[in-house]
Amino acid sequence: MGPMDPASLAAAMVAAQMSQTQMAVAAKMVRMNADQAASVVQLLDSAQKNVASLVQAGVGQAVDISA
């Protein structure tokens, strides 16, 4: 195989750089999604604890809805 001409070499380098950038963006998106998922889990856990504490305190158990 002969030497690559400068244009082909430059095109290969640009393609490699673009691929590296795409991989970095994809990795960043995966990390962001993981962080979001963790935040949702924390939010749901807090909400569940709040509901449990309200039930234990008896909130809403003796509400008179008669008119």
N, C-alpha and C. Protein backbone atom coordinates (compact mmCIF):
# COMPACT_ATOMS: atom_id res chain seq x y z
N MET A 1 0.85 -1.18 0.00
CA MET A 1 0.00 0.00 0.00
C MET A 1 0.88 1.22 0.00
N GLY A 2 0.60 2.16 -0.90
CA GLY A 2 1.42 3.34 -1.04
C GLY A 2 1.10 4.40 0.00
N PRO A 3 1.88 5.46 0.01
CA PRO A 3 1.65 6.54 0.97
C PRO A 3 0.32 7.25 0.68
N MET A 4 -0.29 7.73 1.72
CA MET A 4 -1.57 8.44 1.54
C MET A 4 -1.28 9.86 1.07
N ASP A 5 -2.14 10.35 0.22
CA ASP A 5 -1.96 11.73 -0.20
C ASP A 5 -2.44 12.66 0.92
N PRO A 6 -1.96 13.90 0.95
CA PRO A 6 -2.29 14.82 2.05
C PRO A 6 -3.79 15.05 2.24
N ALA A 7 -4.55 15.09 1.17
CA ALA A 7 -5.99 15.32 1.29
C ALA A 7 -6.68 14.15 1.98
N SER A 8 -6.29 12.93 1.63
CA SER A 8 -6.87 11.74 2.27
C SER A 8 -6.48 11.69 3.74
N LEU A 9 -5.24 12.02 4.04
CA LEU A 9 -4.77 12.03 5.42
C LEU A 9 -5.55 13.07 6.24
N ALA A 10 -5.73 14.25 5.67
CA ALA A 10 -6.48 15.30 6.35
C ALA A 10 -7.93 14.88 6.57
N ALA A 11 -8.54 14.26 5.58
CA ALA A 11 -9.93 13.81 5.70
C ALA A 11 -10.05 12.74 6.78
N ALA A 12 -9.08 11.84 6.85
CA ALA A 12 -9.09 10.80 7.88
C ALA A 12 -8.95 11.41 9.27
N MET A 13 -8.09 12.41 9.39
CA MET A 13 -7.90 13.07 10.69
C MET A 13 -9.17 13.81 11.11
N VAL A 14 -9.83 14.48 10.19
CA VAL A 14 -11.07 15.19 10.49
C VAL A 14 -12.15 14.19 10.90
N ALA A 15 -12.24 13.08 10.20
CA ALA A 15 -13.23 12.07 10.53
C ALA A 15 -12.96 11.48 11.91
N ALA A 16 -11.71 11.25 12.24
CA ALA A 16 -11.35 10.71 13.56
C ALA A 16 -11.71 11.72 14.65
N GLN A 17 -11.44 12.99 14.40
CA GLN A 17 -11.77 14.04 15.38
C GLN A 17 -13.27 14.13 15.57
N MET A 18 -14.04 14.05 14.49
CA MET A 18 -15.50 14.12 14.59
C MET A 18 -16.02 12.92 15.38
N SER A 19 -15.45 11.77 15.12
CA SER A 19 -15.87 10.56 15.84
C SER A 19 -15.58 10.70 17.33
N GLN A 20 -14.41 11.24 17.66
CA GLN A 20 -14.03 11.44 19.06
C GLN A 20 -14.99 12.43 19.73
N THR A 21 -15.35 13.48 19.04
CA THR A 21 -16.29 14.47 19.57
C THR A 21 -17.67 13.86 19.78
N GLN A 22 -18.12 13.06 18.82
CA GLN A 22 -19.41 12.40 18.96
C GLN A 22 -19.43 11.46 20.16
N MET A 23 -18.34 10.75 20.37
CA MET A 23 -18.26 9.84 21.52
C MET A 23 -18.28 10.63 22.83
N ALA A 24 -17.61 11.76 22.87
CA ALA A 24 -17.59 12.59 24.08
C ALA A 24 -18.99 13.13 24.37
N VAL A 25 -19.70 13.56 23.34
CA VAL A 25 -21.07 14.07 23.52
C VAL A 25 -21.98 12.94 23.99
N ALA A 26 -21.84 11.77 23.41
CA ALA A 26 -22.68 10.64 23.81
C ALA A 26 -22.41 10.26 25.27
N ALA A 27 -21.14 10.26 25.68
CA ALA A 27 -20.80 9.95 27.07
C ALA A 27 -21.39 10.99 28.01
N LYS A 28 -21.33 12.25 27.62
CA LYS A 28 -21.90 13.33 28.44
C LYS A 28 -23.41 13.15 28.59
N MET A 29 -24.08 12.77 27.49
CA MET A 29 -25.53 12.56 27.54
C MET A 29 -25.89 11.40 28.46
N VAL A 30 -25.09 10.34 28.42
CA VAL A 30 -25.34 9.19 29.29
C VAL A 30 -25.18 9.60 30.75
N ARG A 31 -24.14 10.38 31.04
CA ARG A 31 -23.94 10.84 32.42
C ARG A 31 -25.09 11.73 32.86
N MET A 32 -25.56 12.61 31.98
CA MET A 32 -26.68 13.50 32.33
C MET A 32 -27.94 12.69 32.60
N ASN A 33 -28.19 11.68 31.78
CA ASN A 33 -29.37 10.83 31.98
C ASN A 33 -29.27 10.07 33.30
N ALA A 34 -28.08 9.61 33.63
CA ALA A 34 -27.89 8.89 34.89
C ALA A 34 -28.12 9.83 36.07
N ASP A 35 -27.61 11.07 35.96
CA ASP A 35 -27.82 12.06 37.02
C ASP A 35 -29.29 12.39 37.17
N GLN A 36 -29.99 12.52 36.05
CA GLN A 36 -31.43 12.80 36.09
C GLN A 36 -32.18 11.65 36.75
N ALA A 37 -31.83 10.44 36.39
CA ALA A 37 -32.50 9.27 36.97
C ALA A 37 -32.28 9.23 38.47
N ALA A 38 -31.08 9.54 38.91
CA ALA A 38 -30.79 9.55 40.35
C ALA A 38 -31.61 10.64 41.04
N SER A 39 -31.76 11.78 40.40
CA SER A 39 -32.55 12.86 40.98
C SER A 39 -34.02 12.47 41.10
N VAL A 40 -34.54 11.79 40.09
CA VAL A 40 -35.94 11.34 40.13
C VAL A 40 -36.13 10.33 41.25
N VAL A 41 -35.18 9.42 41.42
CA VAL A 41 -35.27 8.43 42.49
C VAL A 41 -35.27 9.13 43.85
N GLN A 42 -34.42 10.12 44.02
CA GLN A 42 -34.37 10.87 45.29
C GLN A 42 -35.68 11.60 45.53
N LEU A 43 -36.24 12.19 44.48
CA LEU A 43 -37.50 12.91 44.61
C LEU A 43 -38.63 11.96 45.01
N LEU A 44 -38.71 10.81 44.35
CA LEU A 44 -39.76 9.84 44.68
C LEU A 44 -39.58 9.30 46.09
N ASP A 45 -38.34 9.07 46.50
CA ASP A 45 -38.07 8.58 47.85
C ASP A 45 -38.51 9.61 48.88
N SER A 46 -38.20 10.87 48.64
CA SER A 46 -38.62 11.93 49.56
C SER A 46 -40.13 12.04 49.63
N ALA A 47 -40.79 11.96 48.48
CA ALA A 47 -42.25 12.04 48.45
C ALA A 47 -42.86 10.88 49.23
N GLN A 48 -42.31 9.70 49.06
CA GLN A 48 -42.83 8.52 49.76
C GLN A 48 -42.65 8.69 51.28
N LYS A 49 -41.51 9.21 51.69
CA LYS A 49 -41.27 9.43 53.12
C LYS A 49 -42.22 10.48 53.68
N ASN A 50 -42.48 11.54 52.91
CA ASN A 50 -43.40 12.58 53.35
C ASN A 50 -44.82 12.03 53.51
N VAL A 51 -45.27 11.24 52.56
CA VAL A 51 -46.60 10.64 52.64
C VAL A 51 -46.68 9.71 53.85
N ALA A 52 -45.64 8.92 54.04
CA ALA A 52 -45.63 8.00 55.18
C ALA A 52 -45.69 8.76 56.50
N SER A 53 -44.97 9.87 56.61
CA SER A 53 -45.00 10.63 57.86
C SER A 53 -46.35 11.30 58.07
N LEU A 54 -47.01 11.71 57.00
CA LEU A 54 -48.34 12.31 57.13
C LEU A 54 -49.36 11.27 57.59
N VAL A 55 -49.25 10.07 57.04
CA VAL A 55 -50.17 8.99 57.42
C VAL A 55 -49.94 8.63 58.89
N GLN A 56 -48.69 8.55 59.30
CA GLN A 56 -48.39 8.23 60.69
C GLN A 56 -48.91 9.31 61.63
N ALA A 57 -48.91 10.55 61.19
CA ALA A 57 -49.39 11.65 62.02
C ALA A 57 -50.90 11.72 62.04
N GLY A 58 -51.56 10.94 61.17
CA GLY A 58 -53.01 10.91 61.16
C GLY A 58 -53.61 12.01 60.32
N VAL A 59 -52.84 12.67 59.52
CA VAL A 59 -53.36 13.77 58.70
C VAL A 59 -54.34 13.21 57.68
N GLY A 60 -55.51 13.78 57.62
CA GLY A 60 -56.51 13.42 56.64
C GLY A 60 -57.38 12.23 57.02
N GLN A 61 -57.18 11.67 58.18
CA GLN A 61 -57.94 10.49 58.55
C GLN A 61 -59.30 10.84 59.13
N ALA A 62 -59.44 12.00 59.71
CA ALA A 62 -60.72 12.36 60.35
C ALA A 62 -61.30 13.61 59.69
N VAL A 63 -61.30 13.63 58.39
CA VAL A 63 -61.84 14.78 57.66
C VAL A 63 -63.35 14.64 57.55
N ASP A 64 -64.08 15.66 57.97
CA ASP A 64 -65.53 15.66 57.90
C ASP A 64 -65.94 16.29 56.57
N ILE A 65 -66.46 15.46 55.66
CA ILE A 65 -66.85 15.97 54.34
C ILE A 65 -68.36 16.08 54.21
N SER A 66 -69.08 15.97 55.33
CA SER A 66 -70.54 16.09 55.27
C SER A 66 -70.92 17.54 55.06
N ALA A 67 -72.04 17.74 54.40
CA ALA A 67 -72.47 19.09 54.11
C ALA A 67 -73.66 19.47 54.94
